[in-house]
């Protein structure tokens, strides 16, 4: 599964999504901007669990996360 990474411009939250447009991302954290892609079989950033991310994306359509040590706006 290809994982698309998005960043909320308002909160600093990040999200993984299974679709390139991020249509399933939570509206309350919009606007979302594209911030990269993790190709199938590659390790997600910050040593995050690919298995947990893929599971969340399949069940709810996304997985939220924060960059360790990064503060929100």
PDB file of N, CA and C in Angstrom:
ATOM      1  N   UNK A   1       0.845  -1.185   0.000  1.00  0.00           N
ATOM      2  CA  UNK A   1       0.000   0.000   0.000  1.00  0.00           C
ATOM      3  C   UNK A   1       0.886   1.244   0.000  1.00  0.00           C
ATOM      4  N   UNK A   2       0.598   2.164  -0.886  1.00  0.00           N
ATOM      5  CA  UNK A   2       1.284   3.456  -0.919  1.00  0.00           C
ATOM      6  C   UNK A   2       0.600   4.356   0.119  1.00  0.00           C
ATOM      7  N   UNK A   3       1.392   5.003   0.965  1.00  0.00           N
ATOM      8  CA  UNK A   3       0.874   5.891   2.000  1.00  0.00           C
ATOM      9  C   UNK A   3       1.200   7.336   1.641  1.00  0.00           C
ATOM     10  N   UNK A   4       0.180   8.165   1.595  1.00  0.00           N
ATOM     11  CA  UNK A   4       0.360   9.581   1.301  1.00  0.00           C
ATOM     12  C   UNK A   4       0.401  10.353   2.612  1.00  0.00           C
ATOM     13  N   UNK A   5       1.352  11.258   2.716  1.00  0.00           N
ATOM     14  CA  UNK A   5       1.527  12.041   3.937  1.00  0.00           C
ATOM     15  C   UNK A   5       0.975  13.443   3.696  1.00  0.00           C
ATOM     16  N   UNK A   6       0.220  13.925   4.676  1.00  0.00           N
ATOM     17  CA  UNK A   6      -0.339  15.273   4.639  1.00  0.00           C
ATOM     18  C   UNK A   6      -0.001  16.003   5.931  1.00  0.00           C
ATOM     19  N   UNK A   7       0.002  17.329   5.847  1.00  0.00           N
ATOM     20  CA  UNK A   7       0.263  18.184   7.008  1.00  0.00           C
ATOM     21  C   UNK A   7      -0.877  19.187   7.122  1.00  0.00           C
ATOM     22  N   UNK A   8      -1.410  19.328   8.340  1.00  0.00           N
ATOM     23  CA  UNK A   8      -2.437  20.331   8.593  1.00  0.00           C
ATOM     24  C   UNK A   8      -1.754  21.683   8.754  1.00  0.00           C
ATOM     25  N   UNK A   9      -2.158  22.660   7.963  1.00  0.00           N
ATOM     26  CA  UNK A   9      -1.559  23.987   8.071  1.00  0.00           C
ATOM     27  C   UNK A   9      -1.982  24.692   9.348  1.00  0.00           C
ATOM     28  N   UNK A  10      -3.083  24.290   9.934  1.00  0.00           N
ATOM     29  CA  UNK A  10      -3.596  24.951  11.132  1.00  0.00           C
ATOM     30  C   UNK A  10      -3.049  24.387  12.436  1.00  0.00           C
ATOM     31  N   UNK A  11      -2.834  23.084  12.496  1.00  0.00           N
ATOM     32  CA  UNK A  11      -2.496  22.460  13.785  1.00  0.00           C
ATOM     33  C   UNK A  11      -1.106  21.862  13.863  1.00  0.00           C
ATOM     34  N   UNK A  12      -0.469  21.656  12.725  1.00  0.00           N
ATOM     35  CA  UNK A  12       0.819  20.974  12.726  1.00  0.00           C
ATOM     36  C   UNK A  12       0.694  19.458  12.751  1.00  0.00           C
ATOM     37  N   UNK A  13      -0.540  18.953  12.852  1.00  0.00           N
ATOM     38  CA  UNK A  13      -0.748  17.502  12.793  1.00  0.00           C
ATOM     39  C   UNK A  13      -0.320  16.988  11.429  1.00  0.00           C
ATOM     40  N   UNK A  14       0.075  15.744  11.387  1.00  0.00           N
ATOM     41  CA  UNK A  14       0.372  15.050  10.132  1.00  0.00           C
ATOM     42  C   UNK A  14      -0.624  13.904  10.022  1.00  0.00           C
ATOM     43  N   UNK A  15      -0.780  13.411   8.821  1.00  0.00           N
ATOM     44  CA  UNK A  15      -1.691  12.291   8.603  1.00  0.00           C
ATOM     45  C   UNK A  15      -1.191  11.427   7.459  1.00  0.00           C
ATOM     46  N   UNK A  16      -1.460  10.150   7.583  1.00  0.00           N
ATOM     47  CA  UNK A  16      -1.259   9.207   6.492  1.00  0.00           C
ATOM     48  C   UNK A  16      -2.638   8.930   5.912  1.00  0.00           C
ATOM     49  N   UNK A  17      -2.688   8.791   4.589  1.00  0.00           N
ATOM     50  CA  UNK A  17      -3.928   8.464   3.898  1.00  0.00           C
ATOM     51  C   UNK A  17      -3.606   7.486   2.778  1.00  0.00           C
ATOM     52  N   UNK A  18      -4.605   6.724   2.380  1.00  0.00           N
ATOM     53  CA  UNK A  18      -4.418   5.795   1.279  1.00  0.00           C
ATOM     54  C   UNK A  18      -4.707   6.416  -0.077  1.00  0.00           C
ATOM     55  N   UNK A  19      -5.202   7.673  -0.085  1.00  0.00           N
ATOM     56  CA  UNK A  19      -5.488   8.311  -1.367  1.00  0.00           C
ATOM     57  C   UNK A  19      -4.710   9.626  -1.503  1.00  0.00           C
ATOM     58  N   UNK A  20      -4.289   9.899  -2.705  1.00  0.00           N
ATOM     59  CA  UNK A  20      -3.415  11.046  -2.980  1.00  0.00           C
ATOM     60  C   UNK A  20      -4.090  12.390  -2.725  1.00  0.00           C
ATOM     61  N   UNK A  21      -5.403  12.448  -2.763  1.00  0.00           N
ATOM     62  CA  UNK A  21      -6.117  13.701  -2.541  1.00  0.00           C
ATOM     63  C   UNK A  21      -6.419  13.953  -1.063  1.00  0.00           C
ATOM     64  N   UNK A  22      -6.307  12.928  -0.225  1.00  0.00           N
ATOM     65  CA  UNK A  22      -6.595  13.082   1.204  1.00  0.00           C
ATOM     66  C   UNK A  22      -8.067  13.321   1.488  1.00  0.00           C
ATOM     67  N   UNK A  23      -8.941  12.763   0.676  1.00  0.00           N
ATOM     68  CA  UNK A  23     -10.383  12.987   0.823  1.00  0.00           C
ATOM     69  C   UNK A  23     -10.953  12.470   2.140  1.00  0.00           C
ATOM     70  N   UNK A  24     -10.287  11.499   2.740  1.00  0.00           N
ATOM     71  CA  UNK A  24     -10.805  10.919   3.976  1.00  0.00           C
ATOM     72  C   UNK A  24     -10.289  11.616   5.238  1.00  0.00           C
ATOM     73  N   UNK A  25      -9.441  12.626   5.085  1.00  0.00           N
ATOM     74  CA  UNK A  25      -8.845  13.292   6.250  1.00  0.00           C
ATOM     75  C   UNK A  25      -9.884  14.124   7.006  1.00  0.00           C
ATOM     76  N   UNK A  26      -9.726  14.247   8.337  1.00  0.00           N
ATOM     77  CA  UNK A  26     -10.707  14.972   9.153  1.00  0.00           C
ATOM     78  C   UNK A  26     -10.821  16.448   8.757  1.00  0.00           C
ATOM     79  N   UNK A  27     -12.045  16.881   8.534  1.00  0.00           N
ATOM     80  CA  UNK A  27     -12.328  18.251   8.094  1.00  0.00           C
ATOM     81  C   UNK A  27     -11.926  19.295   9.144  1.00  0.00           C
ATOM     82  N   UNK A  28     -12.009  18.940  10.435  1.00  0.00           N
ATOM     83  CA  UNK A  28     -11.740  19.931  11.482  1.00  0.00           C
ATOM     84  C   UNK A  28     -10.282  20.391  11.518  1.00  0.00           C
ATOM     85  N   UNK A  29      -9.390  19.685  10.827  1.00  0.00           N
ATOM     86  CA  UNK A  29      -7.978  20.064  10.807  1.00  0.00           C
ATOM     87  C   UNK A  29      -7.548  20.646   9.461  1.00  0.00           C
ATOM     88  N   UNK A  30      -8.498  20.949   8.571  1.00  0.00           N
ATOM     89  CA  UNK A  30      -8.174  21.540   7.269  1.00  0.00           C
ATOM     90  C   UNK A  30      -7.595  22.933   7.444  1.00  0.00           C
ATOM     91  N   UNK A  31      -6.846  23.427   6.488  1.00  0.00           N
ATOM     92  CA  UNK A  31      -6.508  22.791   5.220  1.00  0.00           C
ATOM     93  C   UNK A  31      -5.342  21.819   5.357  1.00  0.00           C
ATOM     94  N   UNK A  32      -5.393  20.746   4.589  1.00  0.00           N
ATOM     95  CA  UNK A  32      -4.339  19.747   4.513  1.00  0.00           C
ATOM     96  C   UNK A  32      -3.505  20.009   3.269  1.00  0.00           C
ATOM     97  N   UNK A  33      -2.192  19.864   3.388  1.00  0.00           N
ATOM     98  CA  UNK A  33      -1.313  19.982   2.226  1.00  0.00           C
ATOM     99  C   UNK A  33      -0.490  18.707   2.100  1.00  0.00           C
ATOM    100  N   UNK A  34      -0.251  18.313   0.875  1.00  0.00           N
ATOM    101  CA  UNK A  34       0.542  17.118   0.613  1.00  0.00           C
ATOM    102  C   UNK A  34       1.961  17.322   1.137  1.00  0.00           C
ATOM    103  N   UNK A  35       2.507  16.283   1.770  1.00  0.00           N
ATOM    104  CA  UNK A  35       3.832  16.409   2.387  1.00  0.00           C
ATOM    105  C   UNK A  35       4.720  15.199   2.094  1.00  0.00           C
ATOM    106  N   UNK A  36       4.330  14.361   1.117  1.00  0.00           N
ATOM    107  CA  UNK A  36       5.182  13.240   0.747  1.00  0.00           C
ATOM    108  C   UNK A  36       4.434  11.946   0.545  1.00  0.00           C
ATOM    109  N   UNK A  37       5.206  10.923   0.200  1.00  0.00           N
ATOM    110  CA  UNK A  37       4.667   9.587  -0.067  1.00  0.00           C
ATOM    111  C   UNK A  37       5.631   8.563   0.502  1.00  0.00           C
ATOM    112  N   UNK A  38       5.074   7.501   1.064  1.00  0.00           N
ATOM    113  CA  UNK A  38       5.870   6.348   1.482  1.00  0.00           C
ATOM    114  C   UNK A  38       5.467   5.210   0.555  1.00  0.00           C
ATOM    115  N   UNK A  39       6.394   4.795  -0.276  1.00  0.00           N
ATOM    116  CA  UNK A  39       6.105   3.728  -1.239  1.00  0.00           C
ATOM    117  C   UNK A  39       5.872   2.395  -0.531  1.00  0.00           C
ATOM    118  N   UNK A  40       5.166   1.513  -1.200  1.00  0.00           N
ATOM    119  CA  UNK A  40       4.890   0.179  -0.679  1.00  0.00           C
ATOM    120  C   UNK A  40       6.195  -0.517  -0.297  1.00  0.00           C
ATOM    121  N   UNK A  41       6.205  -1.114   0.879  1.00  0.00           N
ATOM    122  CA  UNK A  41       7.377  -1.837   1.351  1.00  0.00           C
ATOM    123  C   UNK A  41       8.448  -0.978   2.008  1.00  0.00           C
ATOM    124  N   UNK A  42       8.290   0.351   2.001  1.00  0.00           N
ATOM    125  CA  UNK A  42       9.271   1.254   2.615  1.00  0.00           C
ATOM    126  C   UNK A  42       8.843   1.604   4.036  1.00  0.00           C
ATOM    127  N   UNK A  43       9.814   1.931   4.870  1.00  0.00           N
ATOM    128  CA  UNK A  43       9.545   2.284   6.260  1.00  0.00           C
ATOM    129  C   UNK A  43       9.023   3.722   6.366  1.00  0.00           C
ATOM    130  N   UNK A  44       7.916   3.933   7.085  1.00  0.00           N
ATOM    131  CA  UNK A  44       7.421   5.296   7.314  1.00  0.00           C
ATOM    132  C   UNK A  44       8.430   6.112   8.142  1.00  0.00           C
ATOM    133  N   UNK A  45       8.302   7.431   8.113  1.00  0.00           N
ATOM    134  CA  UNK A  45       9.238   8.269   8.869  1.00  0.00           C
ATOM    135  C   UNK A  45       9.110   8.072  10.378  1.00  0.00           C
ATOM    136  N   UNK A  46      10.156   8.446  11.074  1.00  0.00           N
ATOM    137  CA  UNK A  46      10.209   8.448  12.540  1.00  0.00           C
ATOM    138  C   UNK A  46       9.963   7.071  13.158  1.00  0.00           C
ATOM    139  N   UNK A  47      10.285   6.032  12.403  1.00  0.00           N
ATOM    140  CA  UNK A  47      10.160   4.655  12.900  1.00  0.00           C
ATOM    141  C   UNK A  47       8.730   4.280  13.300  1.00  0.00           C
ATOM    142  N   UNK A  48       7.735   4.912  12.677  1.00  0.00           N
ATOM    143  CA  UNK A  48       6.340   4.588  12.954  1.00  0.00           C
ATOM    144  C   UNK A  48       6.016   3.216  12.372  1.00  0.00           C
ATOM    145  N   UNK A  49       5.092   2.521  13.003  1.00  0.00           N
ATOM    146  CA  UNK A  49       4.736   1.163  12.597  1.00  0.00           C
ATOM    147  C   UNK A  49       3.887   1.157  11.325  1.00  0.00           C
ATOM    148  N   UNK A  50       4.435   0.621  10.270  1.00  0.00           N
ATOM    149  CA  UNK A  50       3.696   0.531   9.004  1.00  0.00           C
ATOM    150  C   UNK A  50       2.439  -0.314   9.175  1.00  0.00           C
ATOM    151  N   UNK A  51       2.531  -1.398   9.924  1.00  0.00           N
ATOM    152  CA  UNK A  51       1.382  -2.284  10.133  1.00  0.00           C
ATOM    153  C   UNK A  51       0.232  -1.518  10.807  1.00  0.00           C
ATOM    154  N   UNK A  52       0.523  -0.720  11.822  1.00  0.00           N
ATOM    155  CA  UNK A  52      -0.518   0.046  12.519  1.00  0.00           C
ATOM    156  C   UNK A  52      -1.098   1.132  11.615  1.00  0.00           C
ATOM    157  N   UNK A  53      -0.246   1.778  10.838  1.00  0.00           N
ATOM    158  CA  UNK A  53      -0.708   2.823   9.922  1.00  0.00           C
ATOM    159  C   UNK A  53      -1.644   2.221   8.876  1.00  0.00           C
ATOM    160  N   UNK A  54      -1.224   1.148   8.239  1.00  0.00           N
ATOM    161  CA  UNK A  54      -2.051   0.517   7.209  1.00  0.00           C
ATOM    162  C   UNK A  54      -3.373   0.035   7.782  1.00  0.00           C
ATOM    163  N   UNK A  55      -3.354  -0.492   8.991  1.00  0.00           N
ATOM    164  CA  UNK A  55      -4.584  -0.945   9.634  1.00  0.00           C
ATOM    165  C   UNK A  55      -5.546   0.225   9.845  1.00  0.00           C
ATOM    166  N   UNK A  56      -5.049   1.338  10.361  1.00  0.00           N
ATOM    167  CA  UNK A  56      -5.893   2.516  10.591  1.00  0.00           C
ATOM    168  C   UNK A  56      -6.440   3.060   9.274  1.00  0.00           C
ATOM    169  N   UNK A  57      -5.605   3.108   8.249  1.00  0.00           N
ATOM    170  CA  UNK A  57      -6.045   3.610   6.947  1.00  0.00           C
ATOM    171  C   UNK A  57      -7.161   2.723   6.385  1.00  0.00           C
ATOM    172  N   UNK A  58      -7.046   1.427   6.549  1.00  0.00           N
ATOM    173  CA  UNK A  58      -8.078   0.510   6.055  1.00  0.00           C
ATOM    174  C   UNK A  58      -9.381   0.655   6.829  1.00  0.00           C
ATOM    175  N   UNK A  59      -9.296   0.883   8.147  1.00  0.00           N
ATOM    176  CA  UNK A  59     -10.490   0.944   8.987  1.00  0.00           C
ATOM    177  C   UNK A  59     -11.163   2.322   8.951  1.00  0.00           C
ATOM    178  N   UNK A  60     -10.396   3.409   9.148  1.00  0.00           N
ATOM    179  CA  UNK A  60     -10.994   4.741   9.235  1.00  0.00           C
ATOM    180  C   UNK A  60     -10.599   5.686   8.103  1.00  0.00           C
ATOM    181  N   UNK A  61      -9.645   5.278   7.263  1.00  0.00           N
ATOM    182  CA  UNK A  61      -9.263   6.085   6.121  1.00  0.00           C
ATOM    183  C   UNK A  61      -8.044   6.965   6.319  1.00  0.00           C
ATOM    184  N   UNK A  62      -7.537   7.026   7.543  1.00  0.00           N
ATOM    185  CA  UNK A  62      -6.369   7.857   7.826  1.00  0.00           C
ATOM    186  C   UNK A  62      -5.741   7.458   9.150  1.00  0.00           C
ATOM    187  N   UNK A  63      -4.534   7.974   9.399  1.00  0.00           N
ATOM    188  CA  UNK A  63      -3.853   7.816  10.687  1.00  0.00           C
ATOM    189  C   UNK A  63      -3.198   9.159  11.000  1.00  0.00           C
ATOM    190  N   UNK A  64      -3.564   9.771  12.113  1.00  0.00           N
ATOM    191  CA  UNK A  64      -2.962  11.036  12.530  1.00  0.00           C
ATOM    192  C   UNK A  64      -1.693  10.794  13.326  1.00  0.00           C
ATOM    193  N   UNK A  65      -0.762  11.759  13.269  1.00  0.00           N
ATOM    194  CA  UNK A  65       0.472  11.687  14.049  1.00  0.00           C
ATOM    195  C   UNK A  65       1.093  13.067  14.131  1.00  0.00           C
ATOM    196  N   UNK A  66       2.028  13.229  15.057  1.00  0.00           N
ATOM    197  CA  UNK A  66       2.800  14.454  15.196  1.00  0.00           C
ATOM    198  C   UNK A  66       4.277  14.117  15.042  1.00  0.00           C
ATOM    199  N   UNK A  67       5.023  15.058  14.504  1.00  0.00           N
ATOM    200  CA  UNK A  67       6.456  14.884  14.421  1.00  0.00           C
ATOM    201  C   UNK A  67       7.004  14.999  15.831  1.00  0.00           C
ATOM    202  N   UNK A  68       7.763  14.005  16.296  1.00  0.00           N
ATOM    203  CA  UNK A  68       8.306  14.069  17.659  1.00  0.00           C
ATOM    204  C   UNK A  68       9.115  15.346  17.872  1.00  0.00           C
ATOM    205  N   UNK A  69       8.805  16.036  18.971  1.00  0.00           N
ATOM    206  CA  UNK A  69       9.539  17.243  19.322  1.00  0.00           C
ATOM    207  C   UNK A  69       9.039  18.504  18.631  1.00  0.00           C
ATOM    208  N   UNK A  70       8.128  18.369  17.676  1.00  0.00           N
ATOM    209  CA  UNK A  70       7.587  19.544  16.970  1.00  0.00           C
ATOM    210  C   UNK A  70       6.373  20.070  17.712  1.00  0.00           C
ATOM    211  N   UNK A  71       6.320  21.360  17.913  1.00  0.00           N
ATOM    212  CA  UNK A  71       5.182  21.963  18.609  1.00  0.00           C
ATOM    213  C   UNK A  71       4.146  22.431  17.599  1.00  0.00           C
ATOM    214  N   UNK A  72       2.887  22.367  18.015  1.00  0.00           N
ATOM    215  CA  UNK A  72       1.817  22.844  17.137  1.00  0.00           C
ATOM    216  C   UNK A  72       1.744  24.367  17.203  1.00  0.00           C
ATOM    217  N   UNK A  73       1.032  24.940  16.248  1.00  0.00           N
ATOM    218  CA  UNK A  73       0.865  26.396  16.185  1.00  0.00           C
ATOM    219  C   UNK A  73       0.107  26.913  17.368  1.00  0.00           C
TER     220      UNK A  73
END
